[in-house]
């Protein structure tokens, strides 16, 4: 009689271990999100910028969703993975994965603009309140051979588009690590 409860207990313990392992694997495959914020004044208007993206990603590469709000719809931005140095606005985030992907073949950047966004590959217009939700491809090794987290510090960023490329007001960084 004692063998039956022990077998049943062992089976339950085995199921518990298997369920725990499945839960752990499920959690390991999904990245948690991080949000960066920045308040800037452009002219007489104050913008409360918010950028949300994953705080970790696969080193080999994966497509991630990045959302933003509070942006100035009159100033387009690029969204991508770039090398960062210092606080947002201190220095232009560069180089960026995929470089200047005008053909939209790498998916490593996205252009958000109300002046042409949505008419080219990997581009879209801002939503109400300066919002956007885009997908970009990120990976640890940049096109120049540098490795994020080893050679350089990288982040998912927004930065002013080609209409005002030297404007650092719209730079927002979400640090990302690669596994």
N, C-alpha and C. Protein backbone atom coordinates (compact mmCIF):
# COMPACT_ATOMS: atom_id res chain seq x y z
N UNK A 1 0.81 -1.18 0.00
CA UNK A 1 0.00 0.00 0.00
C UNK A 1 0.87 1.26 0.00
N UNK A 2 1.97 1.18 0.63
CA UNK A 2 2.83 2.34 0.72
C UNK A 2 3.41 2.72 -0.65
N UNK A 3 3.59 1.75 -1.56
CA UNK A 3 4.19 2.01 -2.86
C UNK A 3 3.29 2.89 -3.73
N UNK A 4 1.98 2.75 -3.61
CA UNK A 4 1.07 3.55 -4.43
C UNK A 4 1.16 5.03 -4.10
N UNK A 5 1.08 5.43 -2.81
CA UNK A 5 1.22 6.85 -2.53
C UNK A 5 2.59 7.39 -2.95
N UNK A 6 3.65 6.61 -2.80
CA UNK A 6 4.97 7.08 -3.20
C UNK A 6 5.04 7.28 -4.71
N UNK A 7 4.45 6.38 -5.48
CA UNK A 7 4.44 6.52 -6.93
C UNK A 7 3.62 7.74 -7.33
N UNK A 8 2.49 7.91 -6.67
CA UNK A 8 1.63 9.05 -6.96
C UNK A 8 2.35 10.36 -6.59
N UNK A 9 3.01 10.36 -5.44
CA UNK A 9 3.76 11.55 -5.01
C UNK A 9 4.89 11.85 -5.97
N UNK A 10 5.59 10.81 -6.42
CA UNK A 10 6.69 11.00 -7.38
C UNK A 10 6.15 11.55 -8.70
N UNK A 11 5.01 11.05 -9.14
CA UNK A 11 4.42 11.53 -10.39
C UNK A 11 4.02 13.00 -10.25
N UNK A 12 3.41 13.36 -9.11
CA UNK A 12 3.04 14.76 -8.89
C UNK A 12 4.27 15.65 -8.84
N UNK A 13 5.32 15.18 -8.18
CA UNK A 13 6.56 15.96 -8.10
C UNK A 13 7.15 16.14 -9.49
N UNK A 14 7.10 15.09 -10.31
CA UNK A 14 7.62 15.18 -11.67
C UNK A 14 6.82 16.18 -12.50
N UNK A 15 5.50 16.16 -12.36
CA UNK A 15 4.67 17.13 -13.07
C UNK A 15 4.96 18.55 -12.59
N UNK A 16 5.17 18.73 -11.31
CA UNK A 16 5.47 20.05 -10.77
C UNK A 16 6.79 20.58 -11.33
N UNK A 17 7.79 19.70 -11.42
CA UNK A 17 9.09 20.10 -11.97
C UNK A 17 8.93 20.46 -13.45
N UNK A 18 8.19 19.65 -14.19
CA UNK A 18 7.99 19.92 -15.61
C UNK A 18 7.23 21.23 -15.82
N UNK A 19 6.20 21.46 -15.02
CA UNK A 19 5.44 22.71 -15.13
C UNK A 19 6.31 23.91 -14.77
N UNK A 20 7.12 23.76 -13.75
CA UNK A 20 8.01 24.85 -13.36
C UNK A 20 9.02 25.15 -14.46
N UNK A 21 9.57 24.12 -15.09
CA UNK A 21 10.53 24.31 -16.17
C UNK A 21 9.87 25.00 -17.36
N UNK A 22 8.65 24.60 -17.68
CA UNK A 22 7.94 25.22 -18.80
C UNK A 22 7.67 26.70 -18.51
N UNK A 23 7.28 27.01 -17.27
CA UNK A 23 7.05 28.40 -16.90
C UNK A 23 8.33 29.20 -16.98
N UNK A 24 9.43 28.63 -16.50
CA UNK A 24 10.71 29.32 -16.54
C UNK A 24 11.14 29.58 -17.98
N UNK A 25 10.98 28.59 -18.87
CA UNK A 25 11.34 28.78 -20.27
C UNK A 25 10.48 29.85 -20.91
N UNK A 26 9.19 29.88 -20.58
CA UNK A 26 8.30 30.90 -21.12
C UNK A 26 8.73 32.29 -20.69
N UNK A 27 9.12 32.45 -19.44
CA UNK A 27 9.56 33.75 -18.95
C UNK A 27 10.89 34.15 -19.55
N UNK A 28 11.78 33.19 -19.78
CA UNK A 28 13.10 33.51 -20.32
C UNK A 28 13.01 33.99 -21.76
N UNK A 29 12.00 33.54 -22.50
CA UNK A 29 11.92 33.92 -23.89
C UNK A 29 11.27 35.28 -24.10
N UNK A 30 10.58 35.79 -23.09
CA UNK A 30 9.96 37.09 -23.26
C UNK A 30 10.76 38.14 -22.51
N UNK A 31 11.08 39.22 -23.22
CA UNK A 31 11.87 40.30 -22.62
C UNK A 31 10.95 41.24 -21.87
N UNK A 32 11.43 41.75 -20.76
CA UNK A 32 10.65 42.74 -20.04
C UNK A 32 10.88 44.10 -20.69
N UNK A 33 9.96 44.99 -20.47
CA UNK A 33 10.04 46.30 -21.10
C UNK A 33 10.63 47.32 -20.15
N UNK A 34 11.28 48.30 -20.72
CA UNK A 34 11.83 49.42 -19.97
C UNK A 34 11.32 50.70 -20.63
N UNK A 35 11.10 51.72 -19.82
CA UNK A 35 10.62 53.00 -20.35
C UNK A 35 11.59 54.10 -19.96
N UNK A 36 11.93 54.93 -20.92
CA UNK A 36 12.75 56.11 -20.68
C UNK A 36 11.90 57.34 -20.96
N UNK A 37 12.10 58.37 -20.18
CA UNK A 37 11.33 59.59 -20.37
C UNK A 37 12.26 60.79 -20.43
N UNK A 38 11.78 61.84 -21.06
CA UNK A 38 12.55 63.08 -21.15
C UNK A 38 11.58 64.23 -21.42
N UNK A 39 11.74 65.31 -20.73
CA UNK A 39 10.93 66.49 -20.97
C UNK A 39 11.79 67.54 -21.65
N UNK A 40 11.30 68.06 -22.78
CA UNK A 40 12.06 69.06 -23.53
C UNK A 40 11.13 70.22 -23.89
N UNK A 41 11.72 71.36 -24.14
CA UNK A 41 10.96 72.50 -24.64
C UNK A 41 11.49 72.84 -26.02
N UNK A 42 10.59 72.91 -26.97
CA UNK A 42 10.93 73.24 -28.35
C UNK A 42 10.10 74.46 -28.71
N UNK A 43 10.75 75.59 -28.82
CA UNK A 43 10.01 76.84 -29.01
C UNK A 43 9.29 77.17 -27.72
N UNK A 44 8.00 77.34 -27.80
CA UNK A 44 7.22 77.64 -26.59
C UNK A 44 6.42 76.44 -26.11
N UNK A 45 6.67 75.26 -26.69
CA UNK A 45 5.91 74.06 -26.34
C UNK A 45 6.79 73.08 -25.58
N UNK A 46 6.24 72.51 -24.50
CA UNK A 46 6.94 71.49 -23.73
C UNK A 46 6.39 70.12 -24.13
N UNK A 47 7.31 69.20 -24.39
CA UNK A 47 6.95 67.83 -24.77
C UNK A 47 7.46 66.88 -23.71
N UNK A 48 6.59 65.97 -23.28
CA UNK A 48 6.97 64.92 -22.34
C UNK A 48 7.15 63.64 -23.14
N UNK A 49 8.38 63.36 -23.52
CA UNK A 49 8.70 62.23 -24.37
C UNK A 49 8.77 60.95 -23.55
N UNK A 50 8.24 59.88 -24.10
CA UNK A 50 8.30 58.57 -23.45
C UNK A 50 8.61 57.53 -24.53
N UNK A 51 9.56 56.66 -24.23
CA UNK A 51 9.98 55.62 -25.17
C UNK A 51 10.05 54.30 -24.41
N UNK A 52 9.36 53.29 -24.92
CA UNK A 52 9.34 51.97 -24.27
C UNK A 52 9.83 50.92 -25.25
N UNK A 53 10.76 50.10 -24.79
CA UNK A 53 11.29 49.00 -25.58
C UNK A 53 11.80 47.92 -24.64
N UNK A 54 12.21 46.79 -25.18
CA UNK A 54 12.70 45.71 -24.32
C UNK A 54 14.03 46.10 -23.68
N UNK A 55 14.28 45.59 -22.46
CA UNK A 55 15.57 45.87 -21.83
C UNK A 55 16.58 44.77 -22.10
N UNK A 56 16.15 43.70 -22.78
CA UNK A 56 17.09 42.66 -23.20
C UNK A 56 16.57 42.03 -24.49
N UNK A 57 17.50 41.46 -25.25
CA UNK A 57 17.15 40.85 -26.53
C UNK A 57 18.16 39.76 -26.86
N UNK A 58 17.83 38.96 -27.84
CA UNK A 58 18.72 37.90 -28.30
C UNK A 58 19.92 38.50 -29.02
N UNK A 59 21.11 38.06 -28.67
CA UNK A 59 22.34 38.56 -29.30
C UNK A 59 22.34 38.28 -30.81
N UNK A 60 21.73 37.16 -31.21
CA UNK A 60 21.70 36.78 -32.62
C UNK A 60 20.74 37.65 -33.42
N UNK A 61 19.80 38.28 -32.73
CA UNK A 61 18.88 39.19 -33.37
C UNK A 61 17.43 38.80 -33.21
N UNK A 62 16.59 39.81 -33.12
CA UNK A 62 15.16 39.59 -33.04
C UNK A 62 14.44 40.89 -33.37
N UNK A 63 13.18 40.77 -33.75
CA UNK A 63 12.33 41.92 -34.00
C UNK A 63 11.68 42.30 -32.68
N UNK A 64 11.73 43.59 -32.34
CA UNK A 64 11.15 44.08 -31.10
C UNK A 64 10.17 45.22 -31.41
N UNK A 65 9.22 45.40 -30.53
CA UNK A 65 8.26 46.49 -30.64
C UNK A 65 8.71 47.63 -29.75
N UNK A 66 8.69 48.83 -30.30
CA UNK A 66 9.07 50.04 -29.58
C UNK A 66 7.91 51.02 -29.68
N UNK A 67 7.51 51.60 -28.55
CA UNK A 67 6.43 52.57 -28.56
C UNK A 67 6.91 53.90 -28.01
N UNK A 68 6.28 54.95 -28.45
CA UNK A 68 6.63 56.28 -27.98
C UNK A 68 5.39 57.14 -27.86
N UNK A 69 5.50 58.18 -27.04
CA UNK A 69 4.40 59.14 -26.92
C UNK A 69 4.97 60.49 -26.53
N UNK A 70 4.17 61.53 -26.77
CA UNK A 70 4.55 62.88 -26.40
C UNK A 70 5.47 63.57 -27.38
N UNK A 71 5.72 62.98 -28.54
CA UNK A 71 6.64 63.57 -29.51
C UNK A 71 5.97 64.69 -30.31
N UNK A 72 6.78 65.57 -30.85
CA UNK A 72 6.31 66.68 -31.66
C UNK A 72 6.01 66.15 -33.06
N UNK A 73 4.75 66.10 -33.47
CA UNK A 73 4.42 65.56 -34.80
C UNK A 73 5.02 66.36 -35.95
N UNK A 74 5.49 67.58 -35.69
CA UNK A 74 6.11 68.39 -36.74
C UNK A 74 7.59 68.07 -36.92
N UNK A 75 8.16 67.25 -36.01
CA UNK A 75 9.58 66.86 -36.11
C UNK A 75 9.67 65.35 -36.21
N UNK A 76 10.04 64.85 -37.35
CA UNK A 76 10.18 63.40 -37.53
C UNK A 76 11.34 62.85 -36.72
N UNK A 77 11.26 61.57 -36.39
CA UNK A 77 12.34 60.90 -35.66
C UNK A 77 12.64 59.56 -36.31
N UNK A 78 13.87 59.11 -36.12
CA UNK A 78 14.26 57.75 -36.44
C UNK A 78 14.24 56.95 -35.16
N UNK A 79 13.81 55.70 -35.25
CA UNK A 79 13.83 54.77 -34.13
C UNK A 79 14.75 53.63 -34.54
N UNK A 80 15.74 53.32 -33.70
CA UNK A 80 16.66 52.25 -34.03
C UNK A 80 17.57 51.90 -32.87
N UNK A 81 18.45 50.94 -33.09
CA UNK A 81 19.46 50.55 -32.11
C UNK A 81 20.75 51.28 -32.47
N UNK A 82 21.27 52.07 -31.53
CA UNK A 82 22.46 52.88 -31.82
C UNK A 82 23.44 52.83 -30.65
N UNK A 83 24.68 53.18 -30.95
CA UNK A 83 25.68 53.38 -29.91
C UNK A 83 25.37 54.72 -29.25
N UNK A 84 25.40 54.73 -27.91
CA UNK A 84 25.13 55.96 -27.17
C UNK A 84 26.33 56.31 -26.30
N UNK A 85 26.50 57.60 -26.08
CA UNK A 85 27.57 58.10 -25.23
C UNK A 85 27.02 59.24 -24.39
N UNK A 86 26.88 59.00 -23.10
CA UNK A 86 26.35 60.03 -22.22
C UNK A 86 24.84 60.03 -22.17
N UNK A 87 24.31 61.05 -21.53
CA UNK A 87 22.86 61.20 -21.36
C UNK A 87 22.20 61.54 -22.69
N UNK A 88 20.90 61.24 -22.82
CA UNK A 88 20.19 61.62 -24.04
C UNK A 88 20.35 63.12 -24.31
N UNK A 89 20.74 63.44 -25.53
CA UNK A 89 20.94 64.83 -25.92
C UNK A 89 22.38 65.29 -25.82
N UNK A 90 23.24 64.51 -25.14
CA UNK A 90 24.65 64.90 -24.97
C UNK A 90 25.44 64.73 -26.26
N UNK A 91 25.19 63.65 -26.98
CA UNK A 91 25.91 63.36 -28.22
C UNK A 91 24.98 62.57 -29.14
N UNK A 92 25.13 62.76 -30.43
CA UNK A 92 24.28 62.07 -31.41
C UNK A 92 24.48 60.57 -31.30
N UNK A 93 23.38 59.82 -31.13
CA UNK A 93 23.48 58.35 -31.10
C UNK A 93 23.94 57.85 -32.48
N UNK A 94 25.13 57.28 -32.53
CA UNK A 94 25.69 56.79 -33.79
C UNK A 94 26.94 55.97 -33.51
N UNK A 95 27.28 54.95 -34.30
CA UNK A 95 26.55 54.45 -35.45
C UNK A 95 25.33 53.65 -35.01
N UNK A 96 24.45 53.43 -35.97
CA UNK A 96 23.22 52.69 -35.70
C UNK A 96 23.19 51.42 -36.54
N UNK A 97 22.58 50.39 -36.01
CA UNK A 97 22.44 49.13 -36.73
C UNK A 97 21.66 49.38 -38.01
N UNK A 98 22.16 48.89 -39.12
CA UNK A 98 21.47 49.06 -40.40
C UNK A 98 21.82 50.32 -41.13
N UNK A 99 22.55 51.23 -40.46
CA UNK A 99 22.93 52.48 -41.11
C UNK A 99 21.73 53.25 -41.60
N UNK A 100 21.87 53.91 -42.72
CA UNK A 100 20.78 54.67 -43.32
C UNK A 100 20.05 53.76 -44.29
N UNK A 101 19.10 53.01 -43.77
CA UNK A 101 18.40 51.97 -44.53
C UNK A 101 17.26 52.58 -45.35
N UNK A 102 17.59 53.30 -46.40
CA UNK A 102 16.57 53.97 -47.20
C UNK A 102 15.70 53.00 -47.99
N UNK A 103 16.20 51.81 -48.26
CA UNK A 103 15.41 50.84 -49.02
C UNK A 103 14.49 50.02 -48.11
N UNK A 104 14.73 50.07 -46.80
CA UNK A 104 13.88 49.33 -45.86
C UNK A 104 14.17 47.85 -45.82
N UNK A 105 15.35 47.42 -46.27
CA UNK A 105 15.64 45.99 -46.36
C UNK A 105 16.08 45.36 -45.04
N UNK A 106 16.69 46.13 -44.13
CA UNK A 106 17.18 45.51 -42.89
C UNK A 106 16.14 45.51 -41.78
N UNK A 107 15.22 46.44 -41.81
CA UNK A 107 14.23 46.53 -40.73
C UNK A 107 14.82 47.01 -39.43
N UNK A 108 16.08 47.48 -39.47
CA UNK A 108 16.77 47.88 -38.25
C UNK A 108 16.42 49.28 -37.79
N UNK A 109 15.71 50.03 -38.62
CA UNK A 109 15.30 51.37 -38.21
C UNK A 109 13.91 51.65 -38.75
N UNK A 110 13.29 52.66 -38.16
CA UNK A 110 11.96 53.05 -38.59
C UNK A 110 11.89 54.57 -38.55
N UNK A 111 11.30 55.15 -39.57
CA UNK A 111 11.14 56.60 -39.65
C UNK A 111 9.70 56.95 -39.31
N UNK A 112 9.52 57.81 -38.30
CA UNK A 112 8.19 58.27 -37.91
C UNK A 112 8.11 59.76 -38.23
N UNK A 113 7.18 60.13 -39.11
CA UNK A 113 7.08 61.52 -39.55
C UNK A 113 5.71 61.78 -40.15
N UNK A 114 5.20 62.97 -39.91
CA UNK A 114 3.95 63.37 -40.55
C UNK A 114 4.21 64.03 -41.90
N UNK A 115 5.47 64.11 -42.30
CA UNK A 115 5.85 64.67 -43.60
C UNK A 115 6.44 63.58 -44.48
N UNK A 116 5.65 62.58 -44.80
CA UNK A 116 6.11 61.50 -45.68
C UNK A 116 6.15 60.13 -45.03
N UNK A 117 6.02 60.07 -43.71
CA UNK A 117 5.99 58.77 -43.04
C UNK A 117 4.81 57.95 -43.51
N UNK A 118 5.05 56.69 -43.77
CA UNK A 118 4.02 55.79 -44.27
C UNK A 118 4.05 55.64 -45.78
N UNK A 119 4.85 56.48 -46.46
CA UNK A 119 4.95 56.39 -47.92
C UNK A 119 6.17 55.59 -48.37
N UNK A 120 7.08 55.31 -47.43
CA UNK A 120 8.30 54.56 -47.73
C UNK A 120 8.36 53.32 -46.84
N UNK A 121 9.18 52.34 -47.22
CA UNK A 121 9.34 51.16 -46.36
C UNK A 121 9.83 51.57 -44.97
N UNK A 122 9.40 50.86 -43.96
CA UNK A 122 9.80 51.09 -42.57
C UNK A 122 9.56 52.54 -42.14
N UNK A 123 8.39 53.07 -42.48
CA UNK A 123 8.04 54.41 -42.06
C UNK A 123 6.57 54.45 -41.70
N UNK A 124 6.22 55.42 -40.87
CA UNK A 124 4.83 55.63 -40.49
C UNK A 124 4.66 57.05 -40.00
N UNK A 125 3.40 57.48 -39.93
CA UNK A 125 3.09 58.80 -39.39
C UNK A 125 2.83 58.67 -37.89
N UNK A 126 2.95 59.78 -37.17
CA UNK A 126 2.61 59.81 -35.76
C UNK A 126 1.12 59.63 -35.57
N UNK A 127 0.75 59.01 -34.46
CA UNK A 127 -0.64 58.95 -34.06
C UNK A 127 -0.98 60.17 -33.23
N UNK A 128 -2.19 60.20 -32.70
CA UNK A 128 -2.63 61.32 -31.86
C UNK A 128 -1.69 61.48 -30.67
N UNK A 129 -1.39 62.72 -30.33
CA UNK A 129 -0.53 63.00 -29.18
C UNK A 129 0.93 62.67 -29.41
N UNK A 130 1.35 62.58 -30.67
CA UNK A 130 2.76 62.28 -30.96
C UNK A 130 3.14 60.86 -30.58
N UNK A 131 2.22 59.90 -30.80
CA UNK A 131 2.47 58.50 -30.44
C UNK A 131 2.93 57.70 -31.65
N UNK A 132 3.58 56.58 -31.36
CA UNK A 132 3.93 55.61 -32.40
C UNK A 132 4.14 54.25 -31.76
N UNK A 133 4.00 53.22 -32.56
CA UNK A 133 4.34 51.85 -32.19
C UNK A 133 4.93 51.21 -33.43
N UNK A 134 6.22 50.85 -33.35
CA UNK A 134 6.93 50.34 -34.51
C UNK A 134 7.69 49.07 -34.16
N UNK A 135 8.06 48.33 -35.17
CA UNK A 135 8.89 47.16 -34.97
C UNK A 135 10.22 47.39 -35.66
N UNK A 136 11.30 47.04 -34.95
CA UNK A 136 12.64 47.14 -35.52
C UNK A 136 13.39 45.86 -35.21
N UNK A 137 14.40 45.57 -36.01
CA UNK A 137 15.26 44.42 -35.80
C UNK A 137 16.49 44.88 -35.03
N UNK A 138 16.83 44.16 -33.96
CA UNK A 138 18.02 44.48 -33.16
C UNK A 138 18.89 43.24 -33.03
N UNK A 139 20.20 43.45 -32.92
CA UNK A 139 21.14 42.36 -32.65
C UNK A 139 22.37 42.99 -32.02
N UNK A 140 23.20 42.15 -31.39
CA UNK A 140 24.35 42.66 -30.63
C UNK A 140 25.47 43.18 -31.52
N UNK A 141 25.70 42.56 -32.68
CA UNK A 141 26.82 42.99 -33.53
C UNK A 141 26.36 44.04 -34.52
N UNK A 142 27.00 45.20 -34.46
CA UNK A 142 26.69 46.28 -35.39
C UNK A 142 27.37 46.02 -36.73
N UNK A 143 26.97 46.76 -37.74
CA UNK A 143 27.50 46.56 -39.09
C UNK A 143 29.01 46.79 -39.19
N UNK A 144 29.58 47.59 -38.29
CA UNK A 144 31.02 47.88 -38.32
C UNK A 144 31.82 46.88 -37.49
N UNK A 145 31.16 45.83 -36.97
CA UNK A 145 31.84 44.79 -36.21
C UNK A 145 31.88 45.03 -34.71
N UNK A 146 31.48 46.22 -34.25
CA UNK A 146 31.43 46.47 -32.81
C UNK A 146 30.32 45.64 -32.19
N UNK A 147 30.53 45.24 -30.92
CA UNK A 147 29.56 44.42 -30.21
C UNK A 147 28.97 45.23 -29.06
N UNK A 148 27.64 45.36 -29.07
CA UNK A 148 26.95 46.06 -27.99
C UNK A 148 27.21 45.33 -26.67
N UNK A 149 27.58 46.08 -25.65
CA UNK A 149 27.83 45.51 -24.33
C UNK A 149 29.26 45.06 -24.13
N UNK A 150 30.02 44.92 -25.22
CA UNK A 150 31.43 44.54 -25.12
C UNK A 150 32.33 45.71 -25.54
N UNK A 151 32.14 46.19 -26.77
CA UNK A 151 32.95 47.28 -27.30
C UNK A 151 32.31 48.64 -27.08
N UNK A 152 30.98 48.67 -27.11
CA UNK A 152 30.23 49.92 -27.05
C UNK A 152 28.97 49.75 -26.21
N UNK A 153 28.41 50.87 -25.78
CA UNK A 153 27.13 50.88 -25.08
C UNK A 153 26.05 51.18 -26.09
N UNK A 154 25.01 50.36 -26.12
CA UNK A 154 23.94 50.53 -27.10
C UNK A 154 22.60 50.75 -26.39
N UNK A 155 21.69 51.37 -27.13
CA UNK A 155 20.33 51.59 -26.63
C UNK A 155 19.39 51.65 -27.82
N UNK A 156 18.14 51.38 -27.55
CA UNK A 156 17.10 51.64 -28.53
C UNK A 156 16.82 53.13 -28.37
N UNK A 157 16.84 53.86 -29.48
CA UNK A 157 16.78 55.32 -29.38
C UNK A 157 15.78 55.92 -30.35
N UNK A 158 15.41 57.16 -30.04
CA UNK A 158 14.82 58.06 -31.03
C UNK A 158 15.82 59.19 -31.21
N UNK A 159 15.85 59.72 -32.40
CA UNK A 159 16.67 60.91 -32.68
C UNK A 159 16.02 61.64 -33.84
N UNK A 160 16.22 62.95 -33.90
CA UNK A 160 15.62 63.76 -34.95
C UNK A 160 16.00 63.21 -36.32
N UNK A 161 15.07 63.27 -37.24
CA UNK A 161 15.31 62.72 -38.58
C UNK A 161 16.17 63.66 -39.43
N UNK A 162 16.28 63.37 -40.71
CA UNK A 162 17.13 64.09 -41.65
C UNK A 162 16.74 65.56 -41.84
N UNK A 163 15.54 65.95 -41.40
CA UNK A 163 15.13 67.34 -41.56
C UNK A 163 15.80 68.25 -40.53
N UNK A 164 16.35 67.67 -39.47
CA UNK A 164 17.06 68.45 -38.44
C UNK A 164 18.02 67.52 -37.70
N UNK A 165 18.90 66.88 -38.44
CA UNK A 165 19.75 65.80 -37.93
C UNK A 165 20.63 66.20 -36.73
N UNK A 166 20.94 67.47 -36.58
CA UNK A 166 21.79 67.89 -35.47
C UNK A 166 21.01 68.31 -34.23
N UNK A 167 19.68 68.20 -34.26
CA UNK A 167 18.84 68.55 -33.12
C UNK A 167 18.84 67.40 -32.13
N UNK A 168 19.37 67.60 -30.95
CA UNK A 168 19.49 66.55 -29.95
C UNK A 168 18.30 66.53 -28.98
N UNK A 169 17.33 67.44 -29.13
CA UNK A 169 16.20 67.50 -28.20
C UNK A 169 15.36 66.22 -28.20
N UNK A 170 15.24 65.56 -29.32
CA UNK A 170 14.35 64.41 -29.42
C UNK A 170 15.06 63.07 -29.20
N UNK A 171 16.28 63.13 -28.69
CA UNK A 171 17.02 61.90 -28.36
C UNK A 171 16.48 61.32 -27.05
N UNK A 172 16.01 60.09 -27.11
CA UNK A 172 15.60 59.34 -25.92
C UNK A 172 16.24 57.97 -26.04
N UNK A 173 16.81 57.45 -24.96
CA UNK A 173 17.54 56.17 -24.97
C UNK A 173 16.88 55.17 -24.02
N UNK A 174 16.65 53.95 -24.49
CA UNK A 174 16.25 52.82 -23.64
C UNK A 174 17.41 51.82 -23.71
N UNK A 175 18.21 51.72 -22.64
CA UNK A 175 19.34 50.77 -22.65
C UNK A 175 18.86 49.34 -22.89
N UNK A 176 19.65 48.59 -23.64
CA UNK A 176 19.30 47.20 -23.94
C UNK A 176 20.55 46.35 -23.78
N UNK A 177 20.38 45.16 -23.21
CA UNK A 177 21.47 44.20 -23.10
C UNK A 177 21.12 43.00 -23.98
N UNK A 178 22.16 42.29 -24.39
CA UNK A 178 21.95 41.14 -25.27
C UNK A 178 22.39 39.85 -24.57
N UNK A 179 21.62 38.82 -24.79
CA UNK A 179 21.88 37.52 -24.16
C UNK A 179 22.24 36.49 -25.20
